[in-house]
Amino acid sequence: MYNRITLFRVERGLSRKDLAAAVGINPQTIGFLERGTYSPSVELALKLAAVFGVPVDTLFSLNPFPSLATQIASGGHRREESSDE
């Protein structure tokens, strides 16, 4: 499973400890998730997505995410922005 936890966490200025506290898990688990060595439960995935205010499929995917440069070049960032309206 692929994820963008690090991207969202750093963008929000959260430490692993802060994020772990927000969802009620050990900070080490955040590290395992970010490295892709641990797959979250559905409950944990939903909690993490809620912390960042994004749909679960924006944070997690079964396929690699395209690079941000590729998404911006293709206009993919507009879909996420427009979903907030």
PDB file of N, CA and C in Angstrom:
ATOM      1  N   MET A   1       0.851  -1.168   0.000  1.00  0.00           N
ATOM      2  CA  MET A   1       0.000   0.000   0.000  1.00  0.00           C
ATOM      3  C   MET A   1       0.904   1.241   0.000  1.00  0.00           C
ATOM      4  N   TYR A   2       0.502   2.220  -0.753  1.00  0.00           N
ATOM      5  CA  TYR A   2       1.239   3.481  -0.867  1.00  0.00           C
ATOM      6  C   TYR A   2       0.484   4.561  -0.104  1.00  0.00           C
ATOM      7  N   ASN A   3       1.231   5.539   0.396  1.00  0.00           N
ATOM      8  CA  ASN A   3       0.561   6.609   1.132  1.00  0.00           C
ATOM      9  C   ASN A   3       1.318   7.919   0.986  1.00  0.00           C
ATOM     10  N   ARG A   4       0.620   8.963   1.353  1.00  0.00           N
ATOM     11  CA  ARG A   4       1.177  10.321   1.339  1.00  0.00           C
ATOM     12  C   ARG A   4       1.191  10.920   2.743  1.00  0.00           C
ATOM     13  N   ILE A   5       1.322  10.072   3.742  1.00  0.00           N
ATOM     14  CA  ILE A   5       1.272  10.558   5.118  1.00  0.00           C
ATOM     15  C   ILE A   5       2.372  11.580   5.370  1.00  0.00           C
ATOM     16  N   THR A   6       3.597  11.263   4.953  1.00  0.00           N
ATOM     17  CA  THR A   6       4.710  12.183   5.197  1.00  0.00           C
ATOM     18  C   THR A   6       4.443  13.545   4.569  1.00  0.00           C
ATOM     19  N   LEU A   7       3.980  13.543   3.336  1.00  0.00           N
ATOM     20  CA  LEU A   7       3.695  14.790   2.628  1.00  0.00           C
ATOM     21  C   LEU A   7       2.695  15.646   3.403  1.00  0.00           C
ATOM     22  N   PHE A   8       1.582  15.041   3.798  1.00  0.00           N
ATOM     23  CA  PHE A   8       0.556  15.789   4.522  1.00  0.00           C
ATOM     24  C   PHE A   8       1.027  16.190   5.912  1.00  0.00           C
ATOM     25  N   ARG A   9       1.750  15.301   6.585  1.00  0.00           N
ATOM     26  CA  ARG A   9       2.216  15.593   7.937  1.00  0.00           C
ATOM     27  C   ARG A   9       3.181  16.780   7.933  1.00  0.00           C
ATOM     28  N   VAL A  10       4.148  16.743   7.025  1.00  0.00           N
ATOM     29  CA  VAL A  10       5.132  17.827   6.950  1.00  0.00           C
ATOM     30  C   VAL A  10       4.465  19.127   6.524  1.00  0.00           C
ATOM     31  N   GLU A  11       3.555  19.036   5.568  1.00  0.00           N
ATOM     32  CA  GLU A  11       2.850  20.241   5.112  1.00  0.00           C
ATOM     33  C   GLU A  11       2.092  20.912   6.250  1.00  0.00           C
ATOM     34  N   ARG A  12       1.551  20.112   7.161  1.00  0.00           N
ATOM     35  CA  ARG A  12       0.793  20.655   8.291  1.00  0.00           C
ATOM     36  C   ARG A  12       1.681  21.019   9.482  1.00  0.00           C
ATOM     37  N   GLY A  13       2.975  20.730   9.368  1.00  0.00           N
ATOM     38  CA  GLY A  13       3.896  21.049  10.458  1.00  0.00           C
ATOM     39  C   GLY A  13       3.754  20.147  11.663  1.00  0.00           C
ATOM     40  N   LEU A  14       3.313  18.907  11.435  1.00  0.00           N
ATOM     41  CA  LEU A  14       3.135  17.952  12.530  1.00  0.00           C
ATOM     42  C   LEU A  14       4.334  17.032  12.647  1.00  0.00           C
ATOM     43  N   SER A  15       4.734  16.738  13.867  1.00  0.00           N
ATOM     44  CA  SER A  15       5.746  15.710  14.092  1.00  0.00           C
ATOM     45  C   SER A  15       5.041  14.349  14.055  1.00  0.00           C
ATOM     46  N   ARG A  16       5.826  13.291  13.985  1.00  0.00           N
ATOM     47  CA  ARG A  16       5.227  11.944  14.066  1.00  0.00           C
ATOM     48  C   ARG A  16       4.514  11.777  15.402  1.00  0.00           C
ATOM     49  N   LYS A  17       5.107  12.326  16.446  1.00  0.00           N
ATOM     50  CA  LYS A  17       4.506  12.235  17.783  1.00  0.00           C
ATOM     51  C   LYS A  17       3.159  12.961  17.817  1.00  0.00           C
ATOM     52  N   ASP A  18       3.091  14.149  17.222  1.00  0.00           N
ATOM     53  CA  ASP A  18       1.832  14.910  17.180  1.00  0.00           C
ATOM     54  C   ASP A  18       0.746  14.142  16.433  1.00  0.00           C
ATOM     55  N   LEU A  19       1.111  13.594  15.268  1.00  0.00           N
ATOM     56  CA  LEU A  19       0.132  12.855  14.463  1.00  0.00           C
ATOM     57  C   LEU A  19      -0.324  11.599  15.196  1.00  0.00           C
ATOM     58  N   ALA A  20       0.627  10.907  15.806  1.00  0.00           N
ATOM     59  CA  ALA A  20       0.280   9.693  16.557  1.00  0.00           C
ATOM     60  C   ALA A  20      -0.698  10.015  17.682  1.00  0.00           C
ATOM     61  N   ALA A  21      -0.453  11.102  18.400  1.00  0.00           N
ATOM     62  CA  ALA A  21      -1.357  11.499  19.486  1.00  0.00           C
ATOM     63  C   ALA A  21      -2.747  11.828  18.957  1.00  0.00           C
ATOM     64  N   ALA A  22      -2.808  12.451  17.790  1.00  0.00           N
ATOM     65  CA  ALA A  22      -4.095  12.845  17.207  1.00  0.00           C
ATOM     66  C   ALA A  22      -4.962  11.646  16.854  1.00  0.00           C
ATOM     67  N   VAL A  23      -4.331  10.516  16.523  1.00  0.00           N
ATOM     68  CA  VAL A  23      -5.105   9.326  16.126  1.00  0.00           C
ATOM     69  C   VAL A  23      -5.010   8.192  17.139  1.00  0.00           C
ATOM     70  N   GLY A  24      -4.308   8.429  18.244  1.00  0.00           N
ATOM     71  CA  GLY A  24      -4.269   7.452  19.328  1.00  0.00           C
ATOM     72  C   GLY A  24      -3.401   6.234  19.089  1.00  0.00           C
ATOM     73  N   ILE A  25      -2.238   6.427  18.449  1.00  0.00           N
ATOM     74  CA  ILE A  25      -1.319   5.315  18.226  1.00  0.00           C
ATOM     75  C   ILE A  25       0.093   5.711  18.657  1.00  0.00           C
ATOM     76  N   ASN A  26       0.998   4.753  18.608  1.00  0.00           N
ATOM     77  CA  ASN A  26       2.396   4.970  18.961  1.00  0.00           C
ATOM     78  C   ASN A  26       3.111   5.710  17.828  1.00  0.00           C
ATOM     79  N   PRO A  27       3.977   6.680  18.141  1.00  0.00           N
ATOM     80  CA  PRO A  27       4.714   7.388  17.085  1.00  0.00           C
ATOM     81  C   PRO A  27       5.509   6.464  16.159  1.00  0.00           C
ATOM     82  N   GLN A  28       5.996   5.334  16.691  1.00  0.00           N
ATOM     83  CA  GLN A  28       6.711   4.370  15.841  1.00  0.00           C
ATOM     84  C   GLN A  28       5.814   3.855  14.717  1.00  0.00           C
ATOM     85  N   THR A  29       4.543   3.706  15.009  1.00  0.00           N
ATOM     86  CA  THR A  29       3.604   3.213  13.995  1.00  0.00           C
ATOM     87  C   THR A  29       3.510   4.196  12.836  1.00  0.00           C
ATOM     88  N   ILE A  30       3.551   5.488  13.126  1.00  0.00           N
ATOM     89  CA  ILE A  30       3.537   6.488  12.055  1.00  0.00           C
ATOM     90  C   ILE A  30       4.759   6.279  11.164  1.00  0.00           C
ATOM     91  N   GLY A  31       5.913   6.043  11.752  1.00  0.00           N
ATOM     92  CA  GLY A  31       7.121   5.769  10.974  1.00  0.00           C
ATOM     93  C   GLY A  31       6.966   4.539  10.102  1.00  0.00           C
ATOM     94  N   PHE A  32       6.405   3.464  10.659  1.00  0.00           N
ATOM     95  CA  PHE A  32       6.181   2.246   9.878  1.00  0.00           C
ATOM     96  C   PHE A  32       5.216   2.508   8.719  1.00  0.00           C
ATOM     97  N   LEU A  33       4.167   3.277   8.991  1.00  0.00           N
ATOM     98  CA  LEU A  33       3.209   3.618   7.940  1.00  0.00           C
ATOM     99  C   LEU A  33       3.886   4.430   6.836  1.00  0.00           C
ATOM    100  N   GLU A  34       4.646   5.446   7.226  1.00  0.00           N
ATOM    101  CA  GLU A  34       5.294   6.313   6.249  1.00  0.00           C
ATOM    102  C   GLU A  34       6.278   5.538   5.370  1.00  0.00           C
ATOM    103  N   ARG A  35       6.963   4.571   5.947  1.00  0.00           N
ATOM    104  CA  ARG A  35       7.908   3.756   5.174  1.00  0.00           C
ATOM    105  C   ARG A  35       7.220   2.663   4.368  1.00  0.00           C
ATOM    106  N   GLY A  36       5.933   2.459   4.598  1.00  0.00           N
ATOM    107  CA  GLY A  36       5.199   1.436   3.860  1.00  0.00           C
ATOM    108  C   GLY A  36       5.426   0.029   4.369  1.00  0.00           C
ATOM    109  N   THR A  37       5.934  -0.106   5.597  1.00  0.00           N
ATOM    110  CA  THR A  37       6.165  -1.435   6.158  1.00  0.00           C
ATOM    111  C   THR A  37       4.995  -1.910   7.014  1.00  0.00           C
ATOM    112  N   TYR A  38       3.960  -1.095   7.102  1.00  0.00           N
ATOM    113  CA  TYR A  38       2.775  -1.431   7.885  1.00  0.00           C
ATOM    114  C   TYR A  38       1.570  -0.858   7.160  1.00  0.00           C
ATOM    115  N   SER A  39       0.542  -1.677   7.010  1.00  0.00           N
ATOM    116  CA  SER A  39      -0.705  -1.207   6.392  1.00  0.00           C
ATOM    117  C   SER A  39      -1.714  -0.926   7.500  1.00  0.00           C
ATOM    118  N   PRO A  40      -2.373   0.216   7.431  1.00  0.00           N
ATOM    119  CA  PRO A  40      -3.304   0.580   8.501  1.00  0.00           C
ATOM    120  C   PRO A  40      -4.617  -0.194   8.406  1.00  0.00           C
ATOM    121  N   SER A  41      -5.288  -0.285   9.541  1.00  0.00           N
ATOM    122  CA  SER A  41      -6.655  -0.800   9.545  1.00  0.00           C
ATOM    123  C   SER A  41      -7.538   0.245   8.866  1.00  0.00           C
ATOM    124  N   VAL A  42      -8.735  -0.143   8.522  1.00  0.00           N
ATOM    125  CA  VAL A  42      -9.677   0.815   7.931  1.00  0.00           C
ATOM    126  C   VAL A  42      -9.932   1.952   8.915  1.00  0.00           C
ATOM    127  N   GLU A  43     -10.082   1.606  10.182  1.00  0.00           N
ATOM    128  CA  GLU A  43     -10.334   2.628  11.204  1.00  0.00           C
ATOM    129  C   GLU A  43      -9.191   3.635  11.272  1.00  0.00           C
ATOM    130  N   LEU A  44      -7.956   3.154  11.273  1.00  0.00           N
ATOM    131  CA  LEU A  44      -6.807   4.048  11.344  1.00  0.00           C
ATOM    132  C   LEU A  44      -6.696   4.899  10.079  1.00  0.00           C
ATOM    133  N   ALA A  45      -6.931   4.305   8.920  1.00  0.00           N
ATOM    134  CA  ALA A  45      -6.886   5.065   7.664  1.00  0.00           C
ATOM    135  C   ALA A  45      -7.918   6.192   7.688  1.00  0.00           C
ATOM    136  N   LEU A  46      -9.107   5.902   8.188  1.00  0.00           N
ATOM    137  CA  LEU A  46     -10.154   6.928   8.282  1.00  0.00           C
ATOM    138  C   LEU A  46      -9.766   8.028   9.263  1.00  0.00           C
ATOM    139  N   LYS A  47      -9.170   7.654  10.386  1.00  0.00           N
ATOM    140  CA  LYS A  47      -8.736   8.654  11.373  1.00  0.00           C
ATOM    141  C   LYS A  47      -7.655   9.558  10.784  1.00  0.00           C
ATOM    142  N   LEU A  48      -6.689   8.964  10.104  1.00  0.00           N
ATOM    143  CA  LEU A  48      -5.615   9.758   9.510  1.00  0.00           C
ATOM    144  C   LEU A  48      -6.163  10.708   8.452  1.00  0.00           C
ATOM    145  N   ALA A  49      -7.038  10.209   7.600  1.00  0.00           N
ATOM    146  CA  ALA A  49      -7.640  11.064   6.573  1.00  0.00           C
ATOM    147  C   ALA A  49      -8.426  12.207   7.211  1.00  0.00           C
ATOM    148  N   ALA A  50      -9.113  11.928   8.314  1.00  0.00           N
ATOM    149  CA  ALA A  50      -9.884  12.965   9.002  1.00  0.00           C
ATOM    150  C   ALA A  50      -8.973  14.044   9.581  1.00  0.00           C
ATOM    151  N   VAL A  51      -7.831  13.652  10.123  1.00  0.00           N
ATOM    152  CA  VAL A  51      -6.887  14.634  10.661  1.00  0.00           C
ATOM    153  C   VAL A  51      -6.464  15.616   9.579  1.00  0.00           C
ATOM    154  N   PHE A  52      -6.237  15.104   8.372  1.00  0.00           N
ATOM    155  CA  PHE A  52      -5.784  15.958   7.275  1.00  0.00           C
ATOM    156  C   PHE A  52      -6.938  16.572   6.482  1.00  0.00           C
ATOM    157  N   GLY A  53      -8.165  16.147   6.762  1.00  0.00           N
ATOM    158  CA  GLY A  53      -9.322  16.700   6.070  1.00  0.00           C
ATOM    159  C   GLY A  53      -9.389  16.317   4.606  1.00  0.00           C
ATOM    160  N   VAL A  54      -8.961  15.084   4.298  1.00  0.00           N
ATOM    161  CA  VAL A  54      -8.970  14.611   2.917  1.00  0.00           C
ATOM    162  C   VAL A  54      -9.657  13.245   2.836  1.00  0.00           C
ATOM    163  N   PRO A  55     -10.140  12.870   1.646  1.00  0.00           N
ATOM    164  CA  PRO A  55     -10.682  11.524   1.478  1.00  0.00           C
ATOM    165  C   PRO A  55      -9.569  10.483   1.650  1.00  0.00           C
ATOM    166  N   VAL A  56      -9.921   9.298   2.090  1.00  0.00           N
ATOM    167  CA  VAL A  56      -8.943   8.230   2.303  1.00  0.00           C
ATOM    168  C   VAL A  56      -8.128   7.956   1.044  1.00  0.00           C
ATOM    169  N   ASP A  57      -8.768   7.995  -0.127  1.00  0.00           N
ATOM    170  CA  ASP A  57      -8.038   7.683  -1.359  1.00  0.00           C
ATOM    171  C   ASP A  57      -7.079   8.792  -1.794  1.00  0.00           C
ATOM    172  N   THR A  58      -7.120   9.934  -1.139  1.00  0.00           N
ATOM    173  CA  THR A  58      -6.121  10.967  -1.375  1.00  0.00           C
ATOM    174  C   THR A  58      -4.862  10.665  -0.566  1.00  0.00           C
ATOM    175  N   LEU A  59      -5.033   9.954   0.535  1.00  0.00           N
ATOM    176  CA  LEU A  59      -3.931   9.636   1.434  1.00  0.00           C
ATOM    177  C   LEU A  59      -3.331   8.256   1.168  1.00  0.00           C
ATOM    178  N   PHE A  60      -4.150   7.307   0.738  1.00  0.00           N
ATOM    179  CA  PHE A  60      -3.708   5.914   0.525  1.00  0.00           C
ATOM    180  C   PHE A  60      -4.094   5.423  -0.863  1.00  0.00           C
ATOM    181  N   SER A  61      -3.259   4.523  -1.404  1.00  0.00           N
ATOM    182  CA  SER A  61      -3.548   3.939  -2.706  1.00  0.00           C
ATOM    183  C   SER A  61      -2.898   2.557  -2.804  1.00  0.00           C
ATOM    184  N   LEU A  62      -3.503   1.694  -3.593  1.00  0.00           N
ATOM    185  CA  LEU A  62      -2.899   0.391  -3.865  1.00  0.00           C
ATOM    186  C   LEU A  62      -1.830   0.499  -4.949  1.00  0.00           C
ATOM    187  N   ASN A  63      -1.848   1.590  -5.692  1.00  0.00           N
ATOM    188  CA  ASN A  63      -0.874   1.840  -6.755  1.00  0.00           C
ATOM    189  C   ASN A  63      -0.032   3.054  -6.390  1.00  0.00           C
ATOM    190  N   PRO A  64       1.195   3.117  -6.903  1.00  0.00           N
ATOM    191  CA  PRO A  64       2.029   4.287  -6.596  1.00  0.00           C
ATOM    192  C   PRO A  64       1.350   5.577  -7.045  1.00  0.00           C
ATOM    193  N   PHE A  65       1.512   6.609  -6.252  1.00  0.00           N
ATOM    194  CA  PHE A  65       0.997   7.917  -6.624  1.00  0.00           C
ATOM    195  C   PHE A  65       1.912   8.519  -7.684  1.00  0.00           C
ATOM    196  N   PRO A  66       1.347   9.254  -8.637  1.00  0.00           N
ATOM    197  CA  PRO A  66       2.220   9.977  -9.578  1.00  0.00           C
ATOM    198  C   PRO A  66       2.959  11.073  -8.814  1.00  0.00           C
ATOM    199  N   SER A  67       4.088  11.480  -9.337  1.00  0.00           N
ATOM    200  CA  SER A  67       4.829  12.550  -8.664  1.00  0.00           C
ATOM    201  C   SER A  67       3.971  13.816  -8.644  1.00  0.00           C
ATOM    202  N   LEU A  68       4.244  14.676  -7.701  1.00  0.00           N
ATOM    203  CA  LEU A  68       3.490  15.926  -7.622  1.00  0.00           C
ATOM    204  C   LEU A  68       3.708  16.777  -8.865  1.00  0.00           C
ATOM    205  N   ALA A  69       4.924  16.770  -9.409  1.00  0.00           N
ATOM    206  CA  ALA A  69       5.200  17.530 -10.629  1.00  0.00           C
ATOM    207  C   ALA A  69       4.337  17.027 -11.776  1.00  0.00           C
ATOM    208  N   THR A  70       4.180  15.711 -11.879  1.00  0.00           N
ATOM    209  CA  THR A  70       3.345  15.129 -12.929  1.00  0.00           C
ATOM    210  C   THR A  70       1.887  15.527 -12.735  1.00  0.00           C
ATOM    211  N   GLN A  71       1.417  15.473 -11.494  1.00  0.00           N
ATOM    212  CA  GLN A  71       0.027  15.849 -11.219  1.00  0.00           C
ATOM    213  C   GLN A  71      -0.238  17.311 -11.535  1.00  0.00           C
ATOM    214  N   ILE A  72       0.672  18.168 -11.159  1.00  0.00           N
ATOM    215  CA  ILE A  72       0.494  19.600 -11.422  1.00  0.00           C
ATOM    216  C   ILE A  72       0.491  19.863 -12.918  1.00  0.00           C
ATOM    217  N   ALA A  73       1.415  19.230 -13.635  1.00  0.00           N
ATOM    218  CA  ALA A  73       1.500  19.413 -15.077  1.00  0.00           C
ATOM    219  C   ALA A  73       0.236  18.929 -15.789  1.00  0.00           C
ATOM    220  N   SER A  74      -0.401  17.883 -15.234  1.00  0.00           N
ATOM    221  CA  SER A  74      -1.598  17.346 -15.880  1.00  0.00           C
ATOM    222  C   SER A  74      -2.879  17.986 -15.362  1.00  0.00           C
ATOM    223  N   GLY A  75      -2.752  18.904 -14.411  1.00  0.00           N
ATOM    224  CA  GLY A  75      -3.946  19.556 -13.864  1.00  0.00           C
ATOM    225  C   GLY A  75      -4.623  18.733 -12.795  1.00  0.00           C
ATOM    226  N   GLY A  76      -3.995  17.649 -12.306  1.00  0.00           N
ATOM    227  CA  GLY A  76      -4.579  16.776 -11.296  1.00  0.00           C
ATOM    228  C   GLY A  76      -4.818  17.442  -9.964  1.00  0.00           C
ATOM    229  N   HIS A  77      -4.079  18.516  -9.671  1.00  0.00           N
ATOM    230  CA  HIS A  77      -4.278  19.217  -8.405  1.00  0.00           C
ATOM    231  C   HIS A  77      -5.617  19.935  -8.358  1.00  0.00           C
ATOM    232  N   ARG A  78      -6.182  20.238  -9.484  1.00  0.00           N
ATOM    233  CA  ARG A  78      -7.475  20.948  -9.523  1.00  0.00           C
ATOM    234  C   ARG A  78      -8.606  20.080  -8.991  1.00  0.00           C
ATOM    235  N   ARG A  79      -8.541  18.746  -9.231  1.00  0.00           N
ATOM    236  CA  ARG A  79      -9.584  17.849  -8.771  1.00  0.00           C
ATOM    237  C   ARG A  79      -9.684  17.890  -7.251  1.00  0.00           C
ATOM    238  N   GLU A  80      -8.549  17.857  -6.563  1.00  0.00           N
ATOM    239  CA  GLU A  80      -8.564  17.875  -5.112  1.00  0.00           C
ATOM    240  C   GLU A  80      -9.039  19.216  -4.582  1.00  0.00           C
ATOM    241  N   GLU A  81      -8.631  20.305  -5.217  1.00  0.00           N
ATOM    242  CA  GLU A  81      -9.079  21.621  -4.775  1.00  0.00           C
ATOM    243  C   GLU A  81     -10.589  21.781  -4.974  1.00  0.00           C
ATOM    244  N   SER A  82     -11.089  21.329  -6.109  1.00  0.00           N
ATOM    245  CA  SER A  82     -12.509  21.511  -6.396  1.00  0.00           C
ATOM    246  C   SER A  82     -13.395  20.646  -5.537  1.00  0.00           C
ATOM    247  N   SER A  83     -12.851  19.551  -4.969  1.00  0.00           N
ATOM    248  CA  SER A  83     -13.678  18.689  -4.131  1.00  0.00           C
ATOM    249  C   SER A  83     -14.024  19.348  -2.806  1.00  0.00           C
ATOM    250  N   ASP A  84     -13.314  20.433  -2.435  1.00  0.00           N
ATOM    251  CA  ASP A  84     -13.601  21.137  -1.200  1.00  0.00           C
ATOM    252  C   ASP A  84     -14.753  22.119  -1.352  1.00  0.00           C
ATOM    253  N   GLU A  85     -15.157  22.405  -2.572  1.00  0.00           N
ATOM    254  CA  GLU A  85     -16.199  23.403  -2.804  1.00  0.00           C
ATOM    255  C   GLU A  85     -17.575  22.856  -2.522  1.00  0.00           C
TER     256      GLU A  85
END
